C-alpha cells in the first residue's frame, strides 16, 4: 500500500508498501489519547509541556541562560539517557539554523554518558585554560555515570575558582524534593531547576532538562515549544495515530526491527534520542520493535547490501529533511555526473534512488518529510514522536513510561563493586 498524509505543511507521512493502518487500532488510539490527557495516568505530565512557552519557568530559564553565557567558554552538561540525548540532538540538528543567536555562546560539551577513564581524562584536558560552568541533570543524583562525572568536574571547578565562586557556576536540574542531588543543591546553594515528577527522562526534552542547554546554545526555546504545540494539534495527532497503528501492524506482520535512516549528518543525535525513546518505551513483555539507526549515504557502503537483499525482518523510517540549511556546488573537477550540481540535489537523488530500490525489493518504508532543521521543526518532531511512541506502546499492551529491565544490570554492577 502507498498512502500519503500531511498536516498543513508541517510534517508529511508517506507509507510505501506498508499494511493499511487498522481502523480498529486508530479508533482505539482515541481512548488511549483520552487516558494520556486525563492526568490520571502515571508519568504523562509530558503531554502538557508544549503549553509552557510563556510561563515563568521558561522566562527563568532564559534569564539563567543569559547569565551562564557571560564569561563562559564551555558549558558542560552532565547527564545520561534522557537527561542529555534530547538537548544534544537539538544543538546538533539546529546548529546551522539559529543564526545570530549563536553569537557569544559557549561550546556545549556533554559529559557523564560513560565510565571510561580515558574519556574523562580527555574531558578534563579539554577544559584546561577555559572558563567553564556546569549543569548536572539527574533525578536521583546517584546514577553511576553522571555521579562520577559531576564529582570529577566539580572538583576541577573548586580547584580552579574556589568554592564560593564555583557554586555560582553550578546549575542543577533534579527532583523538586527528594534525592541526593536535590539535597546537595539545596545545601550548597546551586541554582536549580525541576524535573517534573510526572515526566520520565526520555520524555523530558521539553522540560528544563532540554530547554536550559538549548537556551545557552542560542536556540530559541519558545520556537521549540511552539513547534511542539503544533504537533499537539488535532491534525498532527491524527498523523501520529496512523503511524502508531501502522507500526503495530508491521510488528504483527513479522517486522521486528525499525531502521531510522537520515541523509543529514546533523540528525545523528536525533536518531539516538529516537532509539532510546522507542527502545526503552516498547521493549517489554517479550515484544517491541528493535530501533536501529543508519546514516546515509555513508552506511549504504556497509549496510546497503543487507538492506537490499538480507533477512527481511525490518522496515525503514526515513527522516527526510526537505530544506537543508546550507549547500555547496560540486566543482567542475568532480565526476561529470555531479560537476556543477548542487550537493543537496545529489543527496536528493540518493534519497529517492534508495527508496526506489528498496521499494522494488519489497521493503516497507515510512517517509517522514520534515520541512527544515529549525528549532520549530525540532520541537514538532519531538512531540510527534513522543505521541507516536505512547500510542504504539499502549497498542502493544506495554507501559511506555517505565523501564523495569534497566535496573537489573545496575544491581549486578553494584554487587560486583561491593565484592571487590
Protein backbone atom coordinates (compact mmCIF):
# COMPACT_ATOMS: atom_id res chain seq x y z
CA UNK A 1 0.00 0.00 0.00
CA UNK A 2 1.17 3.53 -0.78
CA UNK A 3 -0.58 6.27 1.09
CA UNK A 4 0.33 9.86 1.96
CA UNK A 5 -0.74 12.09 4.82
CA UNK A 6 0.17 15.68 5.60
CA UNK A 7 -0.62 18.25 8.27
CA UNK A 8 -0.81 21.73 6.79
CA UNK A 9 2.76 21.78 5.51
CA UNK A 10 4.10 20.73 8.91
CA UNK A 11 5.07 17.08 8.70
CA UNK A 12 4.03 14.75 5.90
CA UNK A 13 4.00 10.95 6.01
CA UNK A 14 4.19 8.54 3.10
CA UNK A 15 3.55 4.85 3.69
CA UNK A 16 5.19 2.89 0.88
CA UNK A 17 4.42 -0.80 0.78
CA UNK A 18 3.10 -0.74 4.34
CA UNK A 19 -0.04 -2.52 5.53
CA UNK A 20 -3.07 -0.31 5.97
CA UNK A 21 -3.42 1.10 9.46
CA UNK A 22 -6.21 -0.99 11.02
CA UNK A 23 -9.26 1.17 11.66
CA UNK A 24 -9.80 -0.60 14.97
CA UNK A 25 -6.33 0.45 16.15
CA UNK A 26 -6.85 4.06 15.09
CA UNK A 27 -10.20 4.10 16.91
CA UNK A 28 -8.57 2.59 20.00
CA UNK A 29 -5.96 5.35 19.99
CA UNK A 30 -8.72 7.88 20.64
CA UNK A 31 -9.29 6.18 24.00
CA UNK A 32 -5.55 5.94 24.58
CA UNK A 33 -5.22 9.66 23.96
CA UNK A 34 -8.02 10.45 26.40
CA UNK A 35 -6.12 8.50 29.03
CA UNK A 36 -2.88 10.34 28.32
CA UNK A 37 -4.60 13.71 28.66
CA UNK A 38 -6.67 12.80 31.73
CA UNK A 39 -3.95 13.48 34.28
CA UNK A 40 -4.78 10.16 35.93
CA UNK A 41 -2.03 8.04 34.34
CA UNK A 42 1.47 7.90 35.79
CA UNK A 43 4.31 9.74 34.03
CA UNK A 44 2.13 11.51 31.50
CA UNK A 45 2.99 15.06 32.56
CA UNK A 46 4.97 15.48 29.32
CA UNK A 47 1.75 15.90 27.33
CA UNK A 48 1.30 19.42 28.70
CA UNK A 49 4.89 20.66 28.32
CA UNK A 50 4.38 22.40 24.93
CA UNK A 51 1.90 24.80 26.53
CA UNK A 52 4.58 26.29 28.78
CA UNK A 53 6.10 28.63 26.19
CA UNK A 54 5.19 31.81 28.06
CA UNK A 55 5.27 30.66 31.69
CA UNK A 56 7.54 31.91 34.47
CA UNK A 57 9.78 28.84 34.34
CA UNK A 58 10.58 29.45 30.68
CA UNK A 59 11.47 33.06 31.44
CA UNK A 60 13.67 31.95 34.34
CA UNK A 61 15.46 29.51 32.01
CA UNK A 62 16.12 32.33 29.53
CA UNK A 63 17.42 34.62 32.29
CA UNK A 64 19.73 31.90 33.64
CA UNK A 65 20.97 31.09 30.13
CA UNK A 66 21.99 34.71 29.56
CA UNK A 67 23.87 34.70 32.86
CA UNK A 68 25.58 31.38 32.04
CA UNK A 69 26.83 32.71 28.69
CA UNK A 70 28.51 35.66 30.41
CA UNK A 71 32.18 34.81 30.93
CA UNK A 72 31.79 31.20 29.87
CA UNK A 73 33.78 29.39 27.18
CA UNK A 74 32.35 25.93 27.85
CA UNK A 75 29.06 24.84 29.37
CA UNK A 76 29.48 21.22 30.45
CA UNK A 77 26.15 19.39 30.61
CA UNK A 78 26.32 16.23 32.72
CA UNK A 79 23.64 13.59 32.23
CA UNK A 80 22.86 10.29 30.59
CA UNK A 81 20.00 8.88 28.52
CA UNK A 82 17.02 11.20 28.53
CA UNK A 83 18.98 13.69 30.60
CA UNK A 84 21.18 14.62 27.65
CA UNK A 85 20.10 12.99 24.36
CA UNK A 86 17.33 15.46 23.57
CA UNK A 87 19.39 18.57 24.31
CA UNK A 88 22.33 17.28 22.29
CA UNK A 89 20.00 16.37 19.42
CA UNK A 90 18.64 19.92 19.43
CA UNK A 91 22.09 21.53 19.48
CA UNK A 92 23.36 19.41 16.58
CA UNK A 93 20.19 19.47 14.45
CA UNK A 94 19.65 23.22 14.63
CA UNK A 95 23.30 24.35 14.60
CA UNK A 96 23.11 25.96 11.15
CA UNK A 97 19.66 27.47 11.71
CA UNK A 98 20.00 29.52 14.88
CA UNK A 99 21.96 32.30 13.18
CA UNK A 100 22.71 35.40 15.19
CA UNK A 101 21.58 33.73 18.42
CA UNK A 102 24.88 31.82 18.34
CA UNK A 103 26.99 34.96 18.78
CA UNK A 104 28.82 34.82 22.10
CA UNK A 105 27.51 31.40 23.06
CA UNK A 106 29.83 28.93 24.76
CA UNK A 107 30.67 25.48 23.48
CA UNK A 108 28.13 23.00 24.81
CA UNK A 109 30.04 19.95 26.00
CA UNK A 110 28.22 16.81 27.12
CA UNK A 111 29.68 14.56 29.82
CA UNK A 112 28.58 11.73 32.08
CA UNK A 113 27.47 9.21 29.45
CA UNK A 114 30.08 6.52 30.15
CA UNK A 115 32.52 5.27 32.78
CA UNK A 116 35.69 5.34 30.66
CA UNK A 117 38.74 6.71 32.46
CA UNK A 118 40.34 7.69 29.15
CA UNK A 119 37.26 9.66 28.10
CA UNK A 120 37.09 11.55 31.38
CA UNK A 121 40.81 12.33 31.32
CA UNK A 122 40.38 13.84 27.86
CA UNK A 123 37.36 15.80 29.10
CA UNK A 124 39.47 17.35 31.85
CA UNK A 125 42.18 18.15 29.27
CA UNK A 126 39.62 19.92 27.06
CA UNK A 127 38.75 22.26 29.92
CA UNK A 128 42.34 23.31 30.57
CA UNK A 129 42.66 27.09 30.44
CA UNK A 130 38.99 27.62 29.58
CA UNK A 131 36.28 29.31 31.63
CA UNK A 132 33.58 26.75 32.23
CA UNK A 133 30.31 26.22 34.06
CA UNK A 134 28.47 23.01 34.90
CA UNK A 135 24.93 21.75 34.53
CA UNK A 136 24.24 18.43 36.26
CA UNK A 137 21.00 16.66 35.36
CA UNK A 138 19.74 13.73 37.42
CA UNK A 139 16.57 12.97 39.33
CA UNK A 140 18.37 10.95 41.98
CA UNK A 141 21.93 12.22 41.80
CA UNK A 142 23.19 8.66 42.27
CA UNK A 143 23.15 7.35 38.67
CA UNK A 144 26.66 5.99 38.15
CA UNK A 145 27.85 7.82 35.03
CA UNK A 146 26.71 11.38 35.83
CA UNK A 147 27.53 10.96 39.53
CA UNK A 148 31.19 10.22 38.78
CA UNK A 149 31.48 12.87 36.04
CA UNK A 150 29.97 15.52 38.31
CA UNK A 151 32.39 14.64 41.10
CA UNK A 152 35.36 14.95 38.72
CA UNK A 153 34.32 18.22 37.10
CA UNK A 154 33.07 19.73 40.35
CA UNK A 155 36.48 19.14 41.96
CA UNK A 156 38.12 20.76 38.93
CA UNK A 157 35.79 23.74 39.27
CA UNK A 158 36.52 24.09 43.02
CA UNK A 159 40.28 23.86 42.46
CA UNK A 160 40.23 26.50 39.75
CA UNK A 161 37.80 29.05 41.16
CA UNK A 162 37.48 28.32 44.87
CA UNK A 163 34.26 27.07 46.43
CA UNK A 164 32.44 30.41 46.73
CA UNK A 165 32.81 31.16 43.02
CA UNK A 166 32.40 27.53 41.96
CA UNK A 167 28.93 27.14 43.46
CA UNK A 168 27.78 30.11 41.34
CA UNK A 169 28.92 28.17 38.26
CA UNK A 170 26.93 25.02 39.01
CA UNK A 171 23.34 24.56 37.84
CA UNK A 172 21.34 21.53 38.90
CA UNK A 173 18.26 20.08 37.22
CA UNK A 174 16.75 17.50 39.54
CA UNK A 175 13.78 16.27 41.55
CA UNK A 176 11.82 19.03 43.31
CA UNK A 177 12.02 17.38 46.74
CA UNK A 178 13.99 14.15 47.07
CA UNK A 179 17.27 12.57 46.06
CA UNK A 180 20.95 13.18 46.71
CA UNK A 181 21.32 15.90 44.09
CA UNK A 182 18.36 17.87 45.42
CA UNK A 183 19.84 17.68 48.93
CA UNK A 184 23.26 18.84 47.68
CA UNK A 185 21.81 21.65 45.56
CA UNK A 186 19.83 22.99 48.50
CA UNK A 187 22.73 22.64 50.95
CA UNK A 188 25.33 24.24 48.69
CA UNK A 189 23.12 26.87 47.07
CA UNK A 190 23.33 25.78 43.43
CA UNK A 191 20.75 27.43 41.21
CA UNK A 192 18.35 24.65 40.35
CA UNK A 193 15.52 23.73 38.04
CA UNK A 194 12.96 20.98 38.44
CA UNK A 195 12.49 17.76 36.52
CA UNK A 196 8.71 17.37 36.77
CA UNK A 197 7.99 14.29 38.92
CA UNK A 198 5.40 13.06 36.41
CA UNK A 199 7.80 13.22 33.43
CA UNK A 200 10.21 10.37 32.69
CA UNK A 201 13.71 11.04 31.37
CA UNK A 202 13.17 10.14 27.74
CA UNK A 203 10.06 12.35 27.61
CA UNK A 204 11.76 15.32 29.32
CA UNK A 205 13.24 17.15 26.31
CA UNK A 206 10.68 19.95 26.53
CA UNK A 207 11.28 20.48 30.25
CA UNK A 208 14.27 22.34 31.78
CA UNK A 209 16.28 19.16 31.13
CA UNK A 210 16.43 20.05 27.44
CA UNK A 211 15.46 23.71 27.44
CA UNK A 212 18.28 25.11 29.61
CA UNK A 213 21.14 23.66 27.49
CA UNK A 214 19.27 24.68 24.33
CA UNK A 215 18.85 28.24 25.56
CA UNK A 216 22.55 28.51 26.49
CA UNK A 217 23.37 27.30 22.96
CA UNK A 218 21.34 30.18 21.49
CA UNK A 219 18.36 28.08 20.40
CA UNK A 220 15.03 29.91 20.60
CA UNK A 221 13.25 27.67 23.10
CA UNK A 222 9.95 29.47 22.59
CA UNK A 223 10.11 28.37 18.95
CA UNK A 224 10.87 24.81 20.10
CA UNK A 225 7.80 24.85 22.32
CA UNK A 226 5.69 26.42 19.56
CA UNK A 227 6.67 23.57 17.22
CA UNK A 228 5.75 21.06 19.90
CA UNK A 229 2.41 22.78 20.36
CA UNK A 230 1.81 22.45 16.62
CA UNK A 231 2.36 18.70 16.91
CA UNK A 232 -0.25 18.58 19.68
CA UNK A 233 -3.00 19.88 17.38
CA UNK A 234 -5.65 17.52 16.09
CA UNK A 235 -4.37 17.01 12.53
CA UNK A 236 -0.88 16.15 13.71
CA UNK A 237 -2.30 13.85 16.39
CA UNK A 238 -4.13 12.12 13.57
CA UNK A 239 -0.83 11.51 11.78
CA UNK A 240 0.70 10.13 14.96
CA UNK A 241 -2.26 7.76 15.36
CA UNK A 242 -1.91 6.44 11.80
CA UNK A 243 1.84 5.97 12.24
CA UNK A 244 1.37 4.16 15.56
CA UNK A 245 -1.26 1.84 14.10
CA UNK A 246 0.96 1.14 11.07
CA UNK A 247 3.98 0.35 13.26
CA UNK A 248 1.88 -2.11 15.28
CA UNK A 249 0.58 -3.72 12.06
CA UNK A 250 4.14 -4.11 10.78
CA UNK A 251 5.18 -5.77 14.05
CA UNK A 252 2.20 -8.10 13.86
CA UNK A 253 3.24 -8.93 10.29
CA UNK A 254 6.69 -10.12 11.39
CA UNK A 255 8.76 -6.93 11.11
CA UNK A 256 10.72 -6.77 14.36
CA UNK A 257 13.26 -4.04 13.56
CA UNK A 258 12.63 -0.38 12.70
CA UNK A 259 15.58 1.23 10.92
CA UNK A 260 15.65 5.03 11.21
CA UNK A 261 17.53 6.48 8.24
CA UNK A 262 18.68 10.04 7.65
CA UNK A 263 20.65 11.83 4.95
CA UNK A 264 21.69 14.87 7.00
CA UNK A 265 24.53 14.03 9.43
CA UNK A 266 23.22 16.62 11.89
CA UNK A 267 20.27 14.28 12.51
CA UNK A 268 22.57 11.70 14.13
CA UNK A 269 21.79 12.58 17.75
CA UNK A 270 18.09 12.92 16.99
CA UNK A 271 18.14 9.30 15.81
CA UNK A 272 19.99 8.37 19.03
CA UNK A 273 17.18 10.01 21.02
CA UNK A 274 14.64 8.04 18.97
CA UNK A 275 16.48 4.81 19.77
CA UNK A 276 16.16 5.46 23.48
CA UNK A 277 12.58 6.70 23.24
CA UNK A 278 11.35 3.63 21.40
CA UNK A 279 13.70 1.00 22.83
CA UNK A 280 13.07 1.89 26.47
CA UNK A 281 9.35 2.51 25.97
CA UNK A 282 8.37 -0.53 23.90
CA UNK A 283 10.88 -3.26 24.71
CA UNK A 284 8.92 -5.13 27.38
CA UNK A 285 6.99 -8.35 27.94
CA UNK A 286 8.73 -10.06 25.04
CA UNK A 287 7.51 -7.56 22.46
CA UNK A 288 8.52 -4.27 20.84
CA UNK A 289 10.27 -3.08 17.70
CA UNK A 290 14.06 -3.00 17.93
CA UNK A 291 15.14 0.56 16.95
CA UNK A 292 18.26 0.91 14.82
CA UNK A 293 19.65 3.95 13.01
CA UNK A 294 21.73 4.39 9.86
CA UNK A 295 23.39 7.47 8.37
CA UNK A 296 23.03 7.63 4.58
CA UNK A 297 24.72 7.73 2.24
CA UNK A 298 27.65 6.70 4.50
CA UNK A 299 26.12 3.48 5.82
CA UNK A 300 24.98 2.38 2.38
CA UNK A 301 28.59 1.35 1.89
CA UNK A 302 28.42 -1.01 4.85
CA UNK A 303 24.76 -1.93 5.33
CA UNK A 304 23.28 -1.33 1.86
CA UNK A 305 23.72 -4.95 0.81
CA UNK A 306 21.90 -6.28 3.87
CA UNK A 307 19.06 -3.82 3.46
CA UNK A 308 18.65 -4.69 -0.21
CA UNK A 309 18.89 -8.48 -0.02
CA UNK A 310 19.29 -9.57 3.60
CA UNK A 311 16.91 -11.05 6.18
CA UNK A 312 13.68 -9.03 5.73
CA UNK A 313 12.90 -8.59 9.42
CA UNK A 314 12.83 -4.80 9.24
CA UNK A 315 11.05 -1.79 7.86
CA UNK A 316 12.59 1.62 7.22
CA UNK A 317 11.60 5.02 8.59
CA UNK A 318 13.23 7.76 6.53
CA UNK A 319 13.79 11.10 8.27
CA UNK A 320 13.72 13.24 5.13
CA UNK A 321 14.74 16.89 5.60
CA UNK A 322 13.24 18.83 2.68
CA UNK A 323 15.19 22.09 3.06
CA UNK A 324 18.69 21.62 4.50
CA UNK A 325 20.10 24.89 5.84
CA UNK A 326 23.24 25.06 3.66
CA UNK A 327 24.54 23.89 0.28
CA UNK A 328 27.56 23.77 -2.00
CA UNK A 329 28.02 23.21 -5.73
CA UNK A 330 30.19 20.30 -6.81
CA UNK A 331 33.21 21.75 -8.67
CA UNK A 332 33.99 21.15 -12.33
CA UNK A 333 36.76 18.75 -11.33
CA UNK A 334 34.21 16.29 -9.92
CA UNK A 335 32.84 13.44 -12.00
CA UNK A 336 30.84 14.89 -14.93
CA UNK A 337 27.70 13.32 -13.49
CA UNK A 338 27.99 15.59 -10.43
CA UNK A 339 30.00 18.60 -11.66
CA UNK A 340 28.09 21.86 -11.36
CA UNK A 341 25.24 20.26 -9.44
CA UNK A 342 24.03 21.28 -6.03
CA UNK A 343 25.21 18.86 -3.32
CA UNK A 344 21.70 18.86 -1.95
CA UNK A 345 20.46 17.90 -5.42
CA UNK A 346 22.83 14.91 -5.44
CA UNK A 347 21.74 14.00 -1.92
CA UNK A 348 18.10 14.19 -3.01
CA UNK A 349 18.81 11.83 -5.90
CA UNK A 350 20.42 9.41 -3.43
CA UNK A 351 17.36 9.60 -1.17
CA UNK A 352 14.92 8.90 -3.97
CA UNK A 353 17.16 6.24 -5.50
CA UNK A 354 17.45 4.29 -2.26
CA UNK A 355 13.72 4.46 -1.64
CA UNK A 356 13.00 3.24 -5.19
CA UNK A 357 15.50 0.36 -4.93
CA UNK A 358 14.29 -0.76 -1.52
CA UNK A 359 10.65 -0.49 -2.51
CA UNK A 360 11.38 -2.72 -5.51
CA UNK A 361 12.84 -5.24 -3.06
CA UNK A 362 9.56 -5.25 -1.12
CA UNK A 363 10.77 -3.36 1.96
CA UNK A 364 8.04 -1.36 3.73
CA UNK A 365 9.06 2.28 4.06
CA UNK A 366 7.66 5.15 6.11
CA UNK A 367 8.89 8.51 4.86
CA UNK A 368 8.65 11.37 7.37
CA UNK A 369 9.04 14.62 5.41
CA UNK A 370 10.50 17.32 7.67
CA UNK A 371 10.25 20.95 6.50
CA UNK A 372 13.68 22.07 7.75
CA UNK A 373 16.10 21.83 10.68
CA UNK A 374 14.84 24.82 12.63
CA UNK A 375 14.09 24.93 16.38
CA UNK A 376 10.39 24.91 15.47
CA UNK A 377 10.74 21.70 13.46
CA UNK A 378 12.81 20.13 16.23
CA UNK A 379 10.07 20.75 18.80
CA UNK A 380 7.44 19.49 16.40
CA UNK A 381 9.37 16.26 15.77
CA UNK A 382 9.97 15.63 19.46
CA UNK A 383 6.33 15.85 20.46
CA UNK A 384 5.14 13.99 17.37
CA UNK A 385 7.38 11.02 18.05
CA UNK A 386 6.58 11.06 21.76
CA UNK A 387 2.87 10.80 20.94
CA UNK A 388 3.50 8.06 18.38
CA UNK A 389 5.58 6.10 20.88
CA UNK A 390 2.99 6.39 23.65
CA UNK A 391 0.21 5.30 21.28
CA UNK A 392 2.16 2.34 19.92
CA UNK A 393 3.24 1.18 23.37
CA UNK A 394 -0.36 1.10 24.55
CA UNK A 395 -1.39 -0.78 21.40
CA UNK A 396 1.35 -3.33 22.17
CA UNK A 397 -0.04 -3.77 25.67
CA UNK A 398 3.03 -2.39 27.48
CA UNK A 399 3.57 0.59 29.76
CA UNK A 400 5.56 3.04 27.60
CA UNK A 401 6.62 5.09 30.62
CA UNK A 402 8.55 2.64 32.81
CA UNK A 403 11.81 0.73 32.35
CA UNK A 404 11.99 -2.12 34.90
CA UNK A 405 14.55 -4.09 32.90
CA UNK A 406 17.14 -1.33 33.13
CA UNK A 407 17.64 -1.93 36.84
CA UNK A 408 18.98 -5.48 36.58
CA UNK A 409 22.43 -4.65 35.19
CA UNK A 410 22.78 -1.88 37.78
CA UNK A 411 22.17 -4.36 40.60
CA UNK A 412 24.77 -6.75 39.19
CA UNK A 413 27.35 -3.98 38.74
CA UNK A 414 26.86 -2.75 42.31
CA UNK A 415 27.15 -6.32 43.61
CA UNK A 416 30.47 -6.80 41.84
CA UNK A 417 31.82 -3.45 43.07
CA UNK A 418 30.82 -4.36 46.63
CA UNK A 419 32.60 -7.72 46.39
CA UNK A 420 35.75 -6.10 45.04
